[in-house]
Amino acid sequence: MTRWLDAEEQAVWRAYVHMTVLVTEHLERQLHRGAGLPMSYYLVLAFLSEAPDRSLRMQRLAGMLRVSQSRMSHAITRMEESGWVCRRPSPDDRRGTFVELTAAGWDKLVETAPGHVEAVREALFDALTPAQVDQLGEICAAVIAQRDRSC
């Protein structure tokens, strides 16, 4: 039996969808205008910058971005052409590949981050009170935990 959304849930759902589209569009536009790269490339640079040795296994990186291995491989190829990342074989597994942030990739991230952070503030946090930021964090954590359990 279908558990239909009631009127309040339907209104919240539509507001959530509208909000995520607006925020994502704003961030994508800013990154494209300000740095000439899509948000997925920025996220690769950011995730690598936070990883030990600024390196992650390709499969792990694809999982973090929730994209297919082939889509991740295509993105990494484009980012290699720009000199922002490089691939290296896994020392433990011949089939595994690591992606490493290069000095040029680090520089691109450092150059891009201030504009991106400002866009995140404009698109999301400037509209919220500190209490709402806390609530949003709790809501995100609850949804992520529930989805992680079901995957």
N, C-alpha and C. Protein backbone atom coordinates (compact mmCIF):
# COMPACT_ATOMS: atom_id res chain seq x y z
N MET A 1 0.84 -1.19 0.00
CA MET A 1 0.00 0.00 0.00
C MET A 1 0.89 1.25 0.00
N THR A 2 0.58 2.18 -0.85
CA THR A 2 1.36 3.40 -0.98
C THR A 2 1.12 4.32 0.21
N ARG A 3 2.21 4.81 0.78
CA ARG A 3 2.12 5.77 1.88
C ARG A 3 2.24 7.17 1.28
N TRP A 4 1.12 7.73 0.85
CA TRP A 4 1.11 9.03 0.20
C TRP A 4 1.53 10.12 1.17
N LEU A 5 2.10 11.18 0.65
CA LEU A 5 2.47 12.33 1.46
C LEU A 5 1.21 13.11 1.81
N ASP A 6 1.14 13.54 3.06
CA ASP A 6 0.02 14.42 3.41
C ASP A 6 0.35 15.82 2.89
N ALA A 7 -0.58 16.75 3.08
CA ALA A 7 -0.41 18.10 2.52
C ALA A 7 0.85 18.79 3.04
N GLU A 8 1.11 18.67 4.34
CA GLU A 8 2.31 19.31 4.91
C GLU A 8 3.58 18.67 4.37
N GLU A 9 3.63 17.34 4.32
CA GLU A 9 4.80 16.64 3.78
C GLU A 9 5.03 17.01 2.32
N GLN A 10 3.93 17.09 1.54
CA GLN A 10 4.05 17.45 0.13
C GLN A 10 4.62 18.86 -0.02
N ALA A 11 4.18 19.79 0.80
CA ALA A 11 4.69 21.17 0.74
C ALA A 11 6.17 21.21 1.12
N VAL A 12 6.55 20.47 2.15
CA VAL A 12 7.95 20.43 2.58
C VAL A 12 8.80 19.77 1.50
N TRP A 13 8.32 18.68 0.92
CA TRP A 13 9.05 17.99 -0.14
C TRP A 13 9.31 18.93 -1.32
N ARG A 14 8.29 19.63 -1.76
CA ARG A 14 8.45 20.53 -2.91
C ARG A 14 9.38 21.69 -2.57
N ALA A 15 9.30 22.19 -1.35
CA ALA A 15 10.21 23.26 -0.93
C ALA A 15 11.65 22.76 -0.91
N TYR A 16 11.85 21.53 -0.42
CA TYR A 16 13.19 20.93 -0.39
C TYR A 16 13.75 20.80 -1.81
N VAL A 17 12.96 20.27 -2.72
CA VAL A 17 13.40 20.10 -4.10
C VAL A 17 13.74 21.46 -4.71
N HIS A 18 12.88 22.44 -4.52
CA HIS A 18 13.12 23.78 -5.06
C HIS A 18 14.40 24.36 -4.47
N MET A 19 14.57 24.24 -3.16
CA MET A 19 15.76 24.77 -2.50
C MET A 19 17.03 24.11 -3.04
N THR A 20 17.04 22.78 -3.14
CA THR A 20 18.26 22.10 -3.59
C THR A 20 18.60 22.45 -5.03
N VAL A 21 17.58 22.62 -5.87
CA VAL A 21 17.84 23.03 -7.25
C VAL A 21 18.45 24.44 -7.28
N LEU A 22 17.87 25.37 -6.51
CA LEU A 22 18.38 26.74 -6.48
C LEU A 22 19.80 26.81 -5.95
N VAL A 23 20.08 26.11 -4.85
CA VAL A 23 21.42 26.13 -4.25
C VAL A 23 22.43 25.50 -5.20
N THR A 24 22.08 24.35 -5.77
CA THR A 24 23.00 23.68 -6.69
C THR A 24 23.28 24.53 -7.92
N GLU A 25 22.23 25.12 -8.49
CA GLU A 25 22.44 26.01 -9.66
C GLU A 25 23.36 27.17 -9.32
N HIS A 26 23.14 27.78 -8.16
CA HIS A 26 23.96 28.92 -7.74
C HIS A 26 25.43 28.51 -7.62
N LEU A 27 25.68 27.37 -6.98
CA LEU A 27 27.06 26.92 -6.78
C LEU A 27 27.70 26.50 -8.10
N GLU A 28 26.96 25.82 -8.95
CA GLU A 28 27.50 25.42 -10.26
C GLU A 28 27.87 26.65 -11.09
N ARG A 29 26.98 27.65 -11.11
CA ARG A 29 27.26 28.88 -11.88
C ARG A 29 28.49 29.59 -11.35
N GLN A 30 28.59 29.71 -10.04
CA GLN A 30 29.75 30.40 -9.45
C GLN A 30 31.04 29.68 -9.79
N LEU A 31 31.07 28.36 -9.65
CA LEU A 31 32.29 27.61 -9.94
C LEU A 31 32.65 27.69 -11.43
N HIS A 32 31.64 27.65 -12.28
CA HIS A 32 31.92 27.74 -13.72
C HIS A 32 32.46 29.14 -14.07
N ARG A 33 31.79 30.19 -13.57
CA ARG A 33 32.24 31.56 -13.84
C ARG A 33 33.58 31.86 -13.17
N GLY A 34 33.70 31.51 -11.90
CA GLY A 34 34.87 31.89 -11.13
C GLY A 34 36.10 31.04 -11.36
N ALA A 35 35.90 29.77 -11.72
CA ALA A 35 37.06 28.87 -11.82
C ALA A 35 37.06 28.03 -13.09
N GLY A 36 35.99 28.06 -13.85
CA GLY A 36 35.93 27.27 -15.08
C GLY A 36 35.88 25.78 -14.86
N LEU A 37 35.25 25.36 -13.75
CA LEU A 37 35.14 23.93 -13.51
C LEU A 37 33.79 23.58 -12.91
N PRO A 38 33.34 22.35 -13.18
CA PRO A 38 32.08 21.91 -12.58
C PRO A 38 32.25 21.58 -11.10
N MET A 39 31.14 21.55 -10.38
CA MET A 39 31.22 21.28 -8.95
C MET A 39 31.83 19.91 -8.67
N SER A 40 31.58 18.93 -9.52
CA SER A 40 32.15 17.60 -9.28
C SER A 40 33.68 17.65 -9.28
N TYR A 41 34.29 18.46 -10.14
CA TYR A 41 35.74 18.59 -10.16
C TYR A 41 36.23 19.29 -8.89
N TYR A 42 35.50 20.31 -8.48
CA TYR A 42 35.86 21.01 -7.24
C TYR A 42 35.82 20.03 -6.06
N LEU A 43 34.78 19.20 -6.01
CA LEU A 43 34.66 18.24 -4.91
C LEU A 43 35.80 17.23 -4.94
N VAL A 44 36.21 16.79 -6.13
CA VAL A 44 37.37 15.88 -6.22
C VAL A 44 38.60 16.56 -5.61
N LEU A 45 38.86 17.81 -6.00
CA LEU A 45 40.01 18.53 -5.46
C LEU A 45 39.90 18.66 -3.93
N ALA A 46 38.71 18.99 -3.43
CA ALA A 46 38.51 19.17 -1.99
C ALA A 46 38.70 17.86 -1.24
N PHE A 47 38.09 16.78 -1.74
CA PHE A 47 38.23 15.48 -1.06
C PHE A 47 39.68 15.02 -1.04
N LEU A 48 40.38 15.20 -2.16
CA LEU A 48 41.79 14.81 -2.20
C LEU A 48 42.63 15.65 -1.25
N SER A 49 42.31 16.92 -1.13
CA SER A 49 43.09 17.81 -0.26
C SER A 49 42.97 17.41 1.21
N GLU A 50 41.87 16.77 1.56
CA GLU A 50 41.62 16.37 2.95
C GLU A 50 42.07 14.94 3.25
N ALA A 51 42.46 14.20 2.23
CA ALA A 51 42.83 12.79 2.39
C ALA A 51 44.30 12.66 2.81
N PRO A 52 44.62 11.58 3.51
CA PRO A 52 46.04 11.33 3.82
C PRO A 52 46.86 11.29 2.53
N ASP A 53 47.99 11.96 2.55
CA ASP A 53 48.88 12.04 1.38
C ASP A 53 48.19 12.65 0.17
N ARG A 54 47.07 13.34 0.38
CA ARG A 54 46.30 13.95 -0.71
C ARG A 54 46.03 12.96 -1.82
N SER A 55 45.64 11.75 -1.42
CA SER A 55 45.45 10.66 -2.36
C SER A 55 44.31 9.76 -1.90
N LEU A 56 43.50 9.31 -2.86
CA LEU A 56 42.41 8.38 -2.57
C LEU A 56 42.33 7.34 -3.68
N ARG A 57 41.87 6.18 -3.32
CA ARG A 57 41.61 5.13 -4.29
C ARG A 57 40.47 5.61 -5.20
N MET A 58 40.59 5.38 -6.50
CA MET A 58 39.59 5.83 -7.47
C MET A 58 38.19 5.33 -7.10
N GLN A 59 38.08 4.08 -6.71
CA GLN A 59 36.79 3.51 -6.35
C GLN A 59 36.18 4.24 -5.15
N ARG A 60 37.00 4.58 -4.18
CA ARG A 60 36.52 5.32 -3.00
C ARG A 60 36.05 6.71 -3.39
N LEU A 61 36.80 7.38 -4.24
CA LEU A 61 36.44 8.71 -4.71
C LEU A 61 35.10 8.68 -5.46
N ALA A 62 34.91 7.68 -6.32
CA ALA A 62 33.63 7.53 -7.03
C ALA A 62 32.49 7.32 -6.04
N GLY A 63 32.73 6.53 -5.01
CA GLY A 63 31.71 6.31 -3.99
C GLY A 63 31.38 7.57 -3.22
N MET A 64 32.38 8.37 -2.91
CA MET A 64 32.14 9.62 -2.18
C MET A 64 31.28 10.58 -2.99
N LEU A 65 31.47 10.58 -4.31
CA LEU A 65 30.70 11.46 -5.19
C LEU A 65 29.43 10.81 -5.72
N ARG A 66 29.25 9.52 -5.39
CA ARG A 66 28.08 8.77 -5.83
C ARG A 66 27.96 8.75 -7.36
N VAL A 67 29.09 8.47 -8.03
CA VAL A 67 29.11 8.36 -9.48
C VAL A 67 29.70 7.01 -9.87
N SER A 68 29.48 6.61 -11.10
CA SER A 68 30.00 5.35 -11.60
C SER A 68 31.52 5.43 -11.77
N GLN A 69 32.14 4.26 -11.81
CA GLN A 69 33.58 4.19 -12.04
C GLN A 69 33.94 4.83 -13.38
N SER A 70 33.13 4.58 -14.42
CA SER A 70 33.46 5.14 -15.74
C SER A 70 33.33 6.66 -15.74
N ARG A 71 32.32 7.19 -15.07
CA ARG A 71 32.17 8.65 -15.00
C ARG A 71 33.33 9.27 -14.22
N MET A 72 33.74 8.60 -13.14
CA MET A 72 34.87 9.10 -12.35
C MET A 72 36.14 9.05 -13.18
N SER A 73 36.34 7.97 -13.90
CA SER A 73 37.53 7.83 -14.73
C SER A 73 37.59 8.93 -15.79
N HIS A 74 36.45 9.24 -16.40
CA HIS A 74 36.40 10.31 -17.40
C HIS A 74 36.77 11.65 -16.77
N ALA A 75 36.20 11.94 -15.60
CA ALA A 75 36.50 13.20 -14.91
C ALA A 75 37.98 13.29 -14.56
N ILE A 76 38.54 12.19 -14.07
CA ILE A 76 39.96 12.19 -13.67
C ILE A 76 40.84 12.39 -14.90
N THR A 77 40.46 11.80 -16.02
CA THR A 77 41.23 12.01 -17.25
C THR A 77 41.25 13.49 -17.61
N ARG A 78 40.10 14.15 -17.54
CA ARG A 78 40.04 15.59 -17.85
C ARG A 78 40.86 16.41 -16.85
N MET A 79 40.80 16.02 -15.59
CA MET A 79 41.55 16.75 -14.56
C MET A 79 43.05 16.50 -14.70
N GLU A 80 43.43 15.31 -15.16
CA GLU A 80 44.85 15.04 -15.44
C GLU A 80 45.35 15.94 -16.57
N GLU A 81 44.52 16.13 -17.60
CA GLU A 81 44.89 16.99 -18.73
C GLU A 81 45.15 18.42 -18.27
N SER A 82 44.47 18.83 -17.20
CA SER A 82 44.69 20.17 -16.64
C SER A 82 45.85 20.19 -15.65
N GLY A 83 46.37 19.00 -15.32
CA GLY A 83 47.50 18.92 -14.41
C GLY A 83 47.13 18.97 -12.93
N TRP A 84 45.83 18.82 -12.61
CA TRP A 84 45.38 18.95 -11.22
C TRP A 84 45.49 17.67 -10.42
N VAL A 85 45.47 16.54 -11.09
CA VAL A 85 45.58 15.24 -10.42
C VAL A 85 46.46 14.33 -11.27
N CYS A 86 46.90 13.26 -10.65
CA CYS A 86 47.59 12.20 -11.40
C CYS A 86 47.14 10.86 -10.84
N ARG A 87 47.22 9.86 -11.67
CA ARG A 87 46.88 8.49 -11.25
C ARG A 87 48.17 7.74 -10.95
N ARG A 88 48.06 6.82 -10.02
CA ARG A 88 49.17 5.90 -9.77
C ARG A 88 48.59 4.56 -9.38
N PRO A 89 49.27 3.50 -9.78
CA PRO A 89 48.75 2.17 -9.45
C PRO A 89 48.84 1.91 -7.95
N SER A 90 47.92 1.08 -7.49
CA SER A 90 47.94 0.69 -6.08
C SER A 90 49.14 -0.21 -5.83
N PRO A 91 49.87 0.04 -4.75
CA PRO A 91 51.01 -0.82 -4.45
C PRO A 91 50.57 -2.21 -3.97
N ASP A 92 49.32 -2.33 -3.53
CA ASP A 92 48.82 -3.58 -2.97
C ASP A 92 47.96 -4.39 -3.93
N ASP A 93 47.43 -3.76 -4.97
CA ASP A 93 46.45 -4.40 -5.83
C ASP A 93 46.65 -3.90 -7.26
N ARG A 94 47.02 -4.76 -8.17
CA ARG A 94 47.32 -4.34 -9.54
C ARG A 94 46.13 -3.70 -10.24
N ARG A 95 44.92 -4.09 -9.83
CA ARG A 95 43.73 -3.52 -10.49
C ARG A 95 43.35 -2.17 -9.91
N GLY A 96 43.81 -1.85 -8.71
CA GLY A 96 43.43 -0.61 -8.06
C GLY A 96 44.25 0.57 -8.55
N THR A 97 43.62 1.72 -8.55
CA THR A 97 44.27 2.96 -8.96
C THR A 97 44.01 4.03 -7.91
N PHE A 98 45.04 4.78 -7.59
CA PHE A 98 44.92 5.91 -6.70
C PHE A 98 44.94 7.19 -7.52
N VAL A 99 44.21 8.18 -7.03
CA VAL A 99 44.22 9.52 -7.62
C VAL A 99 44.88 10.42 -6.60
N GLU A 100 45.84 11.20 -7.06
CA GLU A 100 46.61 12.07 -6.17
C GLU A 100 46.49 13.52 -6.62
N LEU A 101 46.33 14.40 -5.66
CA LEU A 101 46.28 15.83 -5.93
C LEU A 101 47.69 16.33 -6.22
N THR A 102 47.84 17.04 -7.32
CA THR A 102 49.15 17.60 -7.68
C THR A 102 49.29 18.99 -7.06
N ALA A 103 50.48 19.54 -7.16
CA ALA A 103 50.70 20.92 -6.69
C ALA A 103 49.81 21.89 -7.45
N ALA A 104 49.65 21.67 -8.76
CA ALA A 104 48.77 22.53 -9.55
C ALA A 104 47.31 22.38 -9.11
N GLY A 105 46.92 21.17 -8.74
CA GLY A 105 45.56 20.94 -8.24
C GLY A 105 45.34 21.64 -6.92
N TRP A 106 46.35 21.58 -6.05
CA TRP A 106 46.28 22.28 -4.77
C TRP A 106 46.12 23.78 -5.02
N ASP A 107 46.93 24.32 -5.93
CA ASP A 107 46.86 25.74 -6.25
C ASP A 107 45.48 26.11 -6.80
N LYS A 108 44.91 25.27 -7.65
CA LYS A 108 43.57 25.52 -8.21
C LYS A 108 42.54 25.54 -7.09
N LEU A 109 42.65 24.62 -6.16
CA LEU A 109 41.72 24.58 -5.03
C LEU A 109 41.85 25.83 -4.17
N VAL A 110 43.07 26.20 -3.84
CA VAL A 110 43.31 27.39 -3.01
C VAL A 110 42.77 28.64 -3.71
N GLU A 111 42.93 28.71 -5.01
CA GLU A 111 42.44 29.85 -5.79
C GLU A 111 40.90 29.88 -5.84
N THR A 112 40.29 28.71 -5.91
CA THR A 112 38.85 28.59 -6.11
C THR A 112 38.05 28.63 -4.82
N ALA A 113 38.61 28.14 -3.73
CA ALA A 113 37.86 27.97 -2.48
C ALA A 113 37.22 29.25 -1.94
N PRO A 114 37.89 30.38 -1.92
CA PRO A 114 37.24 31.57 -1.35
C PRO A 114 35.93 31.95 -2.05
N GLY A 115 35.91 31.92 -3.37
CA GLY A 115 34.67 32.23 -4.10
C GLY A 115 33.59 31.19 -3.86
N HIS A 116 34.00 29.92 -3.78
CA HIS A 116 33.03 28.86 -3.53
C HIS A 116 32.42 29.00 -2.14
N VAL A 117 33.24 29.25 -1.14
CA VAL A 117 32.74 29.39 0.23
C VAL A 117 31.78 30.57 0.32
N GLU A 118 32.12 31.65 -0.34
CA GLU A 118 31.22 32.81 -0.34
C GLU A 118 29.89 32.46 -1.00
N ALA A 119 29.94 31.69 -2.08
CA ALA A 119 28.70 31.28 -2.76
C ALA A 119 27.86 30.36 -1.87
N VAL A 120 28.51 29.47 -1.13
CA VAL A 120 27.79 28.60 -0.19
C VAL A 120 27.10 29.45 0.87
N ARG A 121 27.82 30.43 1.40
CA ARG A 121 27.22 31.32 2.40
C ARG A 121 26.01 32.05 1.82
N GLU A 122 26.18 32.62 0.61
CA GLU A 122 25.09 33.36 -0.03
C GLU A 122 23.88 32.46 -0.28
N ALA A 123 24.13 31.27 -0.79
CA ALA A 123 23.06 30.39 -1.21
C ALA A 123 22.34 29.69 -0.06
N LEU A 124 23.01 29.52 1.07
CA LEU A 124 22.40 28.72 2.13
C LEU A 124 22.49 29.38 3.50
N PHE A 125 23.68 29.58 4.00
CA PHE A 125 23.84 29.95 5.40
C PHE A 125 23.40 31.36 5.74
N ASP A 126 23.50 32.30 4.81
CA ASP A 126 23.07 33.67 5.10
C ASP A 126 21.57 33.75 5.37
N ALA A 127 20.81 32.78 4.88
CA ALA A 127 19.35 32.78 5.08
C ALA A 127 18.94 32.14 6.40
N LEU A 128 19.89 31.56 7.14
CA LEU A 128 19.55 30.78 8.34
C LEU A 128 20.07 31.43 9.61
N THR A 129 19.35 31.18 10.68
CA THR A 129 19.84 31.57 12.00
C THR A 129 20.79 30.48 12.49
N PRO A 130 21.60 30.77 13.52
CA PRO A 130 22.45 29.71 14.07
C PRO A 130 21.65 28.47 14.51
N ALA A 131 20.48 28.67 15.08
CA ALA A 131 19.65 27.53 15.49
C ALA A 131 19.19 26.72 14.27
N GLN A 132 18.86 27.41 13.19
CA GLN A 132 18.45 26.70 11.98
C GLN A 132 19.61 25.93 11.36
N VAL A 133 20.81 26.48 11.45
CA VAL A 133 21.99 25.75 10.96
C VAL A 133 22.14 24.45 11.74
N ASP A 134 22.00 24.52 13.06
CA ASP A 134 22.06 23.31 13.89
C ASP A 134 20.98 22.31 13.48
N GLN A 135 19.76 22.81 13.29
CA GLN A 135 18.65 21.93 12.90
C GLN A 135 18.91 21.28 11.54
N LEU A 136 19.42 22.07 10.61
CA LEU A 136 19.72 21.53 9.28
C LEU A 136 20.78 20.44 9.38
N GLY A 137 21.79 20.68 10.21
CA GLY A 137 22.81 19.66 10.41
C GLY A 137 22.23 18.37 10.97
N GLU A 138 21.34 18.49 11.93
CA GLU A 138 20.70 17.31 12.52
C GLU A 138 19.82 16.60 11.50
N ILE A 139 19.09 17.36 10.71
CA ILE A 139 18.23 16.77 9.68
C ILE A 139 19.08 16.02 8.65
N CYS A 140 20.14 16.65 8.19
CA CYS A 140 21.02 16.00 7.21
C CYS A 140 21.61 14.71 7.78
N ALA A 141 22.08 14.76 9.02
CA ALA A 141 22.67 13.57 9.66
C ALA A 141 21.64 12.45 9.76
N ALA A 142 20.41 12.77 10.11
CA ALA A 142 19.36 11.74 10.25
C ALA A 142 19.05 11.10 8.91
N VAL A 143 18.92 11.92 7.86
CA VAL A 143 18.60 11.37 6.53
C VAL A 143 19.77 10.54 6.01
N ILE A 144 20.99 11.04 6.18
CA ILE A 144 22.17 10.30 5.72
C ILE A 144 22.29 8.96 6.45
N ALA A 145 22.09 8.96 7.74
CA ALA A 145 22.18 7.71 8.52
C ALA A 145 21.13 6.71 8.05
N GLN A 146 19.92 7.18 7.81
CA GLN A 146 18.85 6.29 7.35
C GLN A 146 19.15 5.73 5.96
N ARG A 147 19.66 6.57 5.07
CA ARG A 147 19.98 6.11 3.71
C ARG A 147 21.18 5.16 3.73
N ASP A 148 22.18 5.45 4.57
CA ASP A 148 23.36 4.58 4.65
C ASP A 148 22.96 3.19 5.15
N ARG A 149 22.01 3.12 6.05
CA ARG A 149 21.56 1.82 6.57
C ARG A 149 20.84 1.01 5.49
N SER A 150 20.17 1.70 4.58
CA SER A 150 19.36 0.99 3.59
C SER A 150 20.14 0.67 2.31
N CYS A 151 21.35 1.18 2.19
CA CYS A 151 22.15 0.93 0.97
C CYS A 151 22.94 -0.35 1.09
